PDB file of N, CA and C in Angstrom:
ATOM      1  N   MET A   1     204.524 147.868 173.451  1.00  0.00           N
ATOM      2  CA  MET A   1     203.563 148.964 174.201  1.00  0.00           C
ATOM      3  C   MET A   1     203.645 149.859 173.648  1.00  0.00           C
ATOM      4  N   LEU A   2     202.336 150.371 173.981  1.00  0.00           N
ATOM      5  CA  LEU A   2     201.885 151.661 173.293  1.00  0.00           C
ATOM      6  C   LEU A   2     201.478 153.053 174.232  1.00  0.00           C
ATOM      7  N   ALA A   3     202.253 153.903 174.376  1.00  0.00           N
ATOM      8  CA  ALA A   3     202.185 154.927 175.590  1.00  0.00           C
ATOM      9  C   ALA A   3     202.215 156.414 174.861  1.00  0.00           C
ATOM     10  N   ALA A   4     201.692 157.098 175.892  1.00  0.00           N
ATOM     11  CA  ALA A   4     201.568 158.669 175.653  1.00  0.00           C
ATOM     12  C   ALA A   4     202.587 159.281 176.479  1.00  0.00           C
ATOM     13  N   VAL A   5     203.518 159.832 176.116  1.00  0.00           N
ATOM     14  CA  VAL A   5     204.284 160.492 177.092  1.00  0.00           C
ATOM     15  C   VAL A   5     204.357 162.433 176.722  1.00  0.00           C
ATOM     16  N   LYS A   6     204.849 162.597 177.399  1.00  0.00           N
ATOM     17  CA  LYS A   6     205.031 164.311 177.051  1.00  0.00           C
ATOM     18  C   LYS A   6     206.314 164.405 177.219  1.00  0.00           C
ATOM     19  N   GLY A   7     206.451 165.415 176.698  1.00  0.00           N
ATOM     20  CA  GLY A   7     208.116 166.347 176.865  1.00  0.00           C
ATOM     21  C   GLY A   7     208.430 167.450 175.526  1.00  0.00           C
ATOM     22  N   TYR A   8     209.835 167.641 175.493  1.00  0.00           N
ATOM     23  CA  TYR A   8     209.389 169.082 174.913  1.00  0.00           C
ATOM     24  C   TYR A   8     211.003 168.930 174.129  1.00  0.00           C
ATOM     25  N   TYR A   9     211.302 169.748 173.046  1.00  0.00           N
ATOM     26  CA  TYR A   9     212.325 169.812 172.389  1.00  0.00           C
ATOM     27  C   TYR A   9     213.191 170.877 172.489  1.00  0.00           C
ATOM     28  N   ASP A  10     214.668 170.916 173.091  1.00  0.00           N
ATOM     29  CA  ASP A  10     215.086 171.830 173.217  1.00  0.00           C
ATOM     30  C   ASP A  10     216.199 172.012 172.523  1.00  0.00           C
ATOM     31  N   GLY A  11     215.833 171.819 171.211  1.00  0.00           N
ATOM     32  CA  GLY A  11     216.468 172.481 170.043  1.00  0.00           C
ATOM     33  C   GLY A  11     217.913 170.917 169.454  1.00  0.00           C
ATOM     34  N   THR A  12     218.227 170.318 170.236  1.00  0.00           N
ATOM     35  CA  THR A  12     218.979 169.330 169.666  1.00  0.00           C
ATOM     36  C   THR A  12     218.244 167.976 170.118  1.00  0.00           C
ATOM     37  N   GLN A  13     217.647 168.131 170.928  1.00  0.00           N
ATOM     38  CA  GLN A  13     217.072 165.882 171.430  1.00  0.00           C
ATOM     39  C   GLN A  13     215.866 166.486 172.379  1.00  0.00           C
ATOM     40  N   ILE A  14     214.973 165.449 172.497  1.00  0.00           N
ATOM     41  CA  ILE A  14     213.512 165.515 172.979  1.00  0.00           C
ATOM     42  C   ILE A  14     214.025 164.874 174.168  1.00  0.00           C
ATOM     43  N   ILE A  15     213.329 165.763 175.346  1.00  0.00           N
ATOM     44  CA  ILE A  15     213.404 165.543 176.672  1.00  0.00           C
ATOM     45  C   ILE A  15     211.735 165.382 177.007  1.00  0.00           C
ATOM     46  N   VAL A  16     211.868 163.890 177.692  1.00  0.00           N
ATOM     47  CA  VAL A  16     210.714 163.254 177.985  1.00  0.00           C
ATOM     48  C   VAL A  16     210.441 163.856 179.679  1.00  0.00           C
ATOM     49  N   ASP A  17     209.358 163.745 180.081  1.00  0.00           N
ATOM     50  CA  ASP A  17     209.113 163.808 181.955  1.00  0.00           C
ATOM     51  C   ASP A  17     209.659 162.608 182.237  1.00  0.00           C
ATOM     52  N   GLU A  18     209.957 162.926 183.553  1.00  0.00           N
ATOM     53  CA  GLU A  18     210.827 162.024 184.050  1.00  0.00           C
ATOM     54  C   GLU A  18     210.027 160.999 184.498  1.00  0.00           C
ATOM     55  N   ASP A  19     208.664 161.108 184.661  1.00  0.00           N
ATOM     56  CA  ASP A  19     207.656 159.996 185.483  1.00  0.00           C
ATOM     57  C   ASP A  19     207.198 159.245 184.088  1.00  0.00           C
ATOM     58  N   ASP A  20     207.206 159.783 183.210  1.00  0.00           N
ATOM     59  CA  ASP A  20     207.387 158.921 181.452  1.00  0.00           C
ATOM     60  C   ASP A  20     207.985 158.284 180.948  1.00  0.00           C
ATOM     61  N   ARG A  21     209.156 158.574 181.639  1.00  0.00           N
ATOM     62  CA  ARG A  21     211.020 158.416 181.197  1.00  0.00           C
ATOM     63  C   ARG A  21     210.767 156.721 181.910  1.00  0.00           C
ATOM     64  N   ARG A  22     210.359 156.867 183.275  1.00  0.00           N
ATOM     65  CA  ARG A  22     210.528 155.715 184.113  1.00  0.00           C
ATOM     66  C   ARG A  22     209.684 154.443 183.346  1.00  0.00           C
ATOM     67  N   ASN A  23     208.792 154.881 182.661  1.00  0.00           N
ATOM     68  CA  ASN A  23     207.842 153.783 182.327  1.00  0.00           C
ATOM     69  C   ASN A  23     208.732 152.743 181.096  1.00  0.00           C
ATOM     70  N   LEU A  24     209.726 153.395 180.467  1.00  0.00           N
ATOM     71  CA  LEU A  24     210.327 153.132 179.550  1.00  0.00           C
ATOM     72  C   LEU A  24     211.619 152.380 179.655  1.00  0.00           C
ATOM     73  N   SER A  25     211.617 151.530 178.748  1.00  0.00           N
ATOM     74  CA  SER A  25     213.004 150.595 178.716  1.00  0.00           C
ATOM     75  C   SER A  25     213.871 150.756 177.659  1.00  0.00           C
ATOM     76  N   ILE A  26     215.251 150.324 177.544  1.00  0.00           N
ATOM     77  CA  ILE A  26     216.128 150.255 176.466  1.00  0.00           C
ATOM     78  C   ILE A  26     215.671 149.679 175.204  1.00  0.00           C
ATOM     79  N   GLY A  27     215.582 149.897 174.368  1.00  0.00           N
ATOM     80  CA  GLY A  27     214.974 149.006 173.238  1.00  0.00           C
ATOM     81  C   GLY A  27     213.432 149.298 173.005  1.00  0.00           C
ATOM     82  N   ASP A  28     212.692 149.986 173.656  1.00  0.00           N
ATOM     83  CA  ASP A  28     211.080 150.143 173.574  1.00  0.00           C
ATOM     84  C   ASP A  28     211.065 151.120 172.087  1.00  0.00           C
ATOM     85  N   GLU A  29     210.147 151.011 171.190  1.00  0.00           N
ATOM     86  CA  GLU A  29     209.832 151.639 170.016  1.00  0.00           C
ATOM     87  C   GLU A  29     208.509 152.549 170.321  1.00  0.00           C
ATOM     88  N   LEU A  30     209.223 153.916 169.517  1.00  0.00           N
ATOM     89  CA  LEU A  30     208.287 154.879 170.267  1.00  0.00           C
ATOM     90  C   LEU A  30     207.669 155.289 168.773  1.00  0.00           C
ATOM     91  N   ILE A  31     206.676 156.062 168.921  1.00  0.00           N
ATOM     92  CA  ILE A  31     206.030 156.777 167.530  1.00  0.00           C
ATOM     93  C   ILE A  31     205.946 158.405 168.272  1.00  0.00           C
ATOM     94  N   ILE A  32     206.447 159.571 167.542  1.00  0.00           N
ATOM     95  CA  ILE A  32     207.155 160.892 168.056  1.00  0.00           C
ATOM     96  C   ILE A  32     205.838 161.499 167.517  1.00  0.00           C
ATOM     97  N   THR A  33     204.870 161.904 168.023  1.00  0.00           N
ATOM     98  CA  THR A  33     203.718 163.017 167.290  1.00  0.00           C
ATOM     99  C   THR A  33     204.189 164.606 167.903  1.00  0.00           C
ATOM    100  N   VAL A  34     204.663 165.413 166.797  1.00  0.00           N
ATOM    101  CA  VAL A  34     204.928 166.696 167.260  1.00  0.00           C
ATOM    102  C   VAL A  34     203.788 167.700 166.904  1.00  0.00           C
ATOM    103  N   LEU A  35     203.639 168.363 167.885  1.00  0.00           N
ATOM    104  CA  LEU A  35     202.267 169.259 168.011  1.00  0.00           C
ATOM    105  C   LEU A  35     202.708 170.803 167.901  1.00  0.00           C
ATOM    106  N   ASN A  36     202.250 171.085 167.301  1.00  0.00           N
ATOM    107  CA  ASN A  36     202.724 172.771 166.906  1.00  0.00           C
ATOM    108  C   ASN A  36     201.752 173.315 167.637  1.00  0.00           C
ATOM    109  N   THR A  37     202.494 173.919 168.675  1.00  0.00           N
ATOM    110  CA  THR A  37     201.759 174.946 169.446  1.00  0.00           C
ATOM    111  C   THR A  37     201.214 176.424 169.013  1.00  0.00           C
ATOM    112  N   GLY A  38     202.016 176.793 167.880  1.00  0.00           N
ATOM    113  CA  GLY A  38     201.746 178.275 167.628  1.00  0.00           C
ATOM    114  C   GLY A  38     202.699 179.380 167.464  1.00  0.00           C
ATOM    115  N   LYS A  39     204.212 178.772 167.962  1.00  0.00           N
ATOM    116  CA  LYS A  39     205.328 179.275 168.349  1.00  0.00           C
ATOM    117  C   LYS A  39     204.908 180.432 169.197  1.00  0.00           C
ATOM    118  N   ARG A  40     204.263 179.630 170.241  1.00  0.00           N
ATOM    119  CA  ARG A  40     204.160 181.123 171.433  1.00  0.00           C
ATOM    120  C   ARG A  40     205.183 181.624 172.148  1.00  0.00           C
ATOM    121  N   LYS A  41     205.325 182.897 172.450  1.00  0.00           N
ATOM    122  CA  LYS A  41     207.095 183.463 172.684  1.00  0.00           C
ATOM    123  C   LYS A  41     206.879 183.118 174.511  1.00  0.00           C
ATOM    124  N   LYS A  42     207.607 182.512 175.096  1.00  0.00           N
ATOM    125  CA  LYS A  42     207.814 182.134 176.397  1.00  0.00           C
ATOM    126  C   LYS A  42     208.040 183.817 176.967  1.00  0.00           C
ATOM    127  N   ALA A  43     207.296 183.386 178.144  1.00  0.00           N
ATOM    128  CA  ALA A  43     207.378 184.407 179.179  1.00  0.00           C
ATOM    129  C   ALA A  43     208.567 184.773 179.767  1.00  0.00           C
ATOM    130  N   GLU A  44     209.093 185.821 179.692  1.00  0.00           N
ATOM    131  CA  GLU A  44     210.305 186.287 180.289  1.00  0.00           C
ATOM    132  C   GLU A  44     210.384 186.221 181.688  1.00  0.00           C
ATOM    133  N   THR A  45     211.503 185.663 182.279  1.00  0.00           N
ATOM    134  CA  THR A  45     211.922 185.346 183.661  1.00  0.00           C
ATOM    135  C   THR A  45     212.462 186.945 183.892  1.00  0.00           C
ATOM    136  N   ARG A  46     212.272 186.911 185.468  1.00  0.00           N
ATOM    137  CA  ARG A  46     212.717 188.497 186.079  1.00  0.00           C
ATOM    138  C   ARG A  46     214.128 188.573 185.720  1.00  0.00           C
ATOM    139  N   ILE A  47     215.044 187.899 185.867  1.00  0.00           N
ATOM    140  CA  ILE A  47     216.450 188.112 185.442  1.00  0.00           C
ATOM    141  C   ILE A  47     216.825 188.327 183.836  1.00  0.00           C
ATOM    142  N   GLU A  48     216.122 187.561 183.279  1.00  0.00           N
ATOM    143  CA  GLU A  48     216.025 187.942 181.306  1.00  0.00           C
ATOM    144  C   GLU A  48     215.333 189.561 181.407  1.00  0.00           C
ATOM    145  N   LYS A  49     214.676 189.806 182.050  1.00  0.00           N
ATOM    146  CA  LYS A  49     214.482 191.185 181.539  1.00  0.00           C
ATOM    147  C   LYS A  49     215.131 192.050 182.169  1.00  0.00           C
ATOM    148  N   ARG A  50     216.066 191.725 183.021  1.00  0.00           N
ATOM    149  CA  ARG A  50     216.802 192.532 183.702  1.00  0.00           C
ATOM    150  C   ARG A  50     218.149 192.543 182.841  1.00  0.00           C
ATOM    151  N   ARG A  51     218.723 191.320 182.188  1.00  0.00           N
ATOM    152  CA  ARG A  51     219.368 191.181 181.233  1.00  0.00           C
ATOM    153  C   ARG A  51     219.662 192.314 180.167  1.00  0.00           C
ATOM    154  N   LYS A  52     218.274 192.350 179.561  1.00  0.00           N
ATOM    155  CA  LYS A  52     218.215 192.725 178.691  1.00  0.00           C
ATOM    156  C   LYS A  52     218.478 194.281 178.734  1.00  0.00           C
ATOM    157  N   LEU A  53     217.344 194.990 179.846  1.00  0.00           N
ATOM    158  CA  LEU A  53     217.836 196.228 180.134  1.00  0.00           C
ATOM    159  C   LEU A  53     219.434 196.820 180.276  1.00  0.00           C
ATOM    160  N   ILE A  54     219.864 195.868 180.631  1.00  0.00           N
ATOM    161  CA  ILE A  54     221.391 195.993 181.367  1.00  0.00           C
ATOM    162  C   ILE A  54     221.957 196.262 179.641  1.00  0.00           C
ATOM    163  N   ASP A  55     221.889 195.108 178.837  1.00  0.00           N
ATOM    164  CA  ASP A  55     222.503 195.126 177.605  1.00  0.00           C
ATOM    165  C   ASP A  55     222.012 196.002 176.587  1.00  0.00           C
ATOM    166  N   SER A  56     221.228 196.561 176.983  1.00  0.00           N
ATOM    167  CA  SER A  56     220.541 197.846 176.386  1.00  0.00           C
ATOM    168  C   SER A  56     221.437 199.360 175.934  1.00  0.00           C
ATOM    169  N   GLY A  57     222.128 199.014 176.932  1.00  0.00           N
ATOM    170  CA  GLY A  57     222.984 200.688 177.212  1.00  0.00           C
ATOM    171  C   GLY A  57     222.204 201.633 177.763  1.00  0.00           C
ATOM    172  N   ALA A  58     220.633 201.112 178.265  1.00  0.00           N
ATOM    173  CA  ALA A  58     219.851 202.486 179.108  1.00  0.00           C
ATOM    174  C   ALA A  58     220.971 202.942 180.141  1.00  0.00           C
ATOM    175  N   PHE A  59     221.847 202.575 180.849  1.00  0.00           N
ATOM    176  CA  PHE A  59     222.812 202.700 181.975  1.00  0.00           C
ATOM    177  C   PHE A  59     224.314 203.555 181.510  1.00  0.00           C
ATOM    178  N   VAL A  60     224.302 203.933 179.860  1.00  0.00           N
ATOM    179  CA  VAL A  60     225.225 204.408 179.315  1.00  0.00           C
ATOM    180  C   VAL A  60     225.041 205.763 179.403  1.00  0.00           C
ATOM    181  N   THR A  61     226.164 206.835 179.552  1.00  0.00           N
ATOM    182  CA  THR A  61     225.731 208.299 179.329  1.00  0.00           C
ATOM    183  C   THR A  61     227.087 208.516 178.082  1.00  0.00           C
ATOM    184  N   LYS A  62     226.637 208.711 177.025  1.00  0.00           N
ATOM    185  CA  LYS A  62     226.963 209.526 175.846  1.00  0.00           C
ATOM    186  C   LYS A  62     227.807 210.730 175.811  1.00  0.00           C
ATOM    187  N   THR A  63     228.909 210.553 175.684  1.00  0.00           N
ATOM    188  CA  THR A  63     229.639 211.815 175.843  1.00  0.00           C
ATOM    189  C   THR A  63     229.928 212.699 174.634  1.00  0.00           C
ATOM    190  N   GLY A  64     229.789 211.731 173.363  1.00  0.00           N
ATOM    191  CA  GLY A  64     229.811 212.354 171.961  1.00  0.00           C
ATOM    192  C   GLY A  64     231.648 212.138 171.725  1.00  0.00           C
ATOM    193  N   ARG A  65     232.582 211.652 172.631  1.00  0.00           N
ATOM    194  CA  ARG A  65     233.690 211.600 172.306  1.00  0.00           C
ATOM    195  C   ARG A  65     234.112 209.707 172.246  1.00  0.00           C
ATOM    196  N   SER A  66     235.000 209.686 170.953  1.00  0.00           N
ATOM    197  CA  SER A  66     235.186 208.643 170.715  1.00  0.00           C
ATOM    198  C   SER A  66     236.395 207.567 171.806  1.00  0.00           C
ATOM    199  N   ALA A  67     235.921 206.448 171.401  1.00  0.00           N
ATOM    200  CA  ALA A  67     236.970 205.601 172.415  1.00  0.00           C
ATOM    201  C   ALA A  67     238.274 205.929 172.473  1.00  0.00           C
ATOM    202  N   GLU A  68     239.176 206.535 171.198  1.00  0.00           N
ATOM    203  CA  GLU A  68     239.989 206.821 171.271  1.00  0.00           C
ATOM    204  C   GLU A  68     240.147 208.059 172.188  1.00  0.00           C
ATOM    205  N   GLU A  69     239.259 209.042 171.961  1.00  0.00           N
ATOM    206  CA  GLU A  69     239.602 209.986 173.071  1.00  0.00           C
ATOM    207  C   GLU A  69     239.665 210.000 173.928  1.00  0.00           C
ATOM    208  N   ILE A  70     239.217 209.128 174.437  1.00  0.00           N
ATOM    209  CA  ILE A  70     238.545 208.671 176.139  1.00  0.00           C
ATOM    210  C   ILE A  70     240.170 207.731 176.331  1.00  0.00           C
ATOM    211  N   ASP A  71     240.483 206.890 176.023  1.00  0.00           N
ATOM    212  CA  ASP A  71     241.662 206.264 176.125  1.00  0.00           C
ATOM    213  C   ASP A  71     242.950 207.213 176.442  1.00  0.00           C
ATOM    214  N   HIS A  72     242.761 208.610 175.035  1.00  0.00           N
ATOM    215  CA  HIS A  72     244.164 209.135 175.135  1.00  0.00           C
ATOM    216  C   HIS A  72     244.208 210.294 176.519  1.00  0.00           C
ATOM    217  N   SER A  73     242.724 210.286 177.249  1.00  0.00           N
ATOM    218  CA  SER A  73     242.674 211.506 178.031  1.00  0.00           C
ATOM    219  C   SER A  73     243.707 211.206 179.633  1.00  0.00           C
TER     220      SER A  73
END
């Protein structure tokens, strides 16, 4: 069998679209072709943008005191 399937690499394994996977059987021989898409940056989701903003410390008011001074107050 020779078939083209679409999928993606998640960092540890190749994930094949569910519809294409149904056409495969255990033991089928596959040829993998890697398409270099130019390292496009994935668009950030709303929650990723919020998390980045919160982690950036934008909501922290700096007092100029050290952590030790604050702990002993």
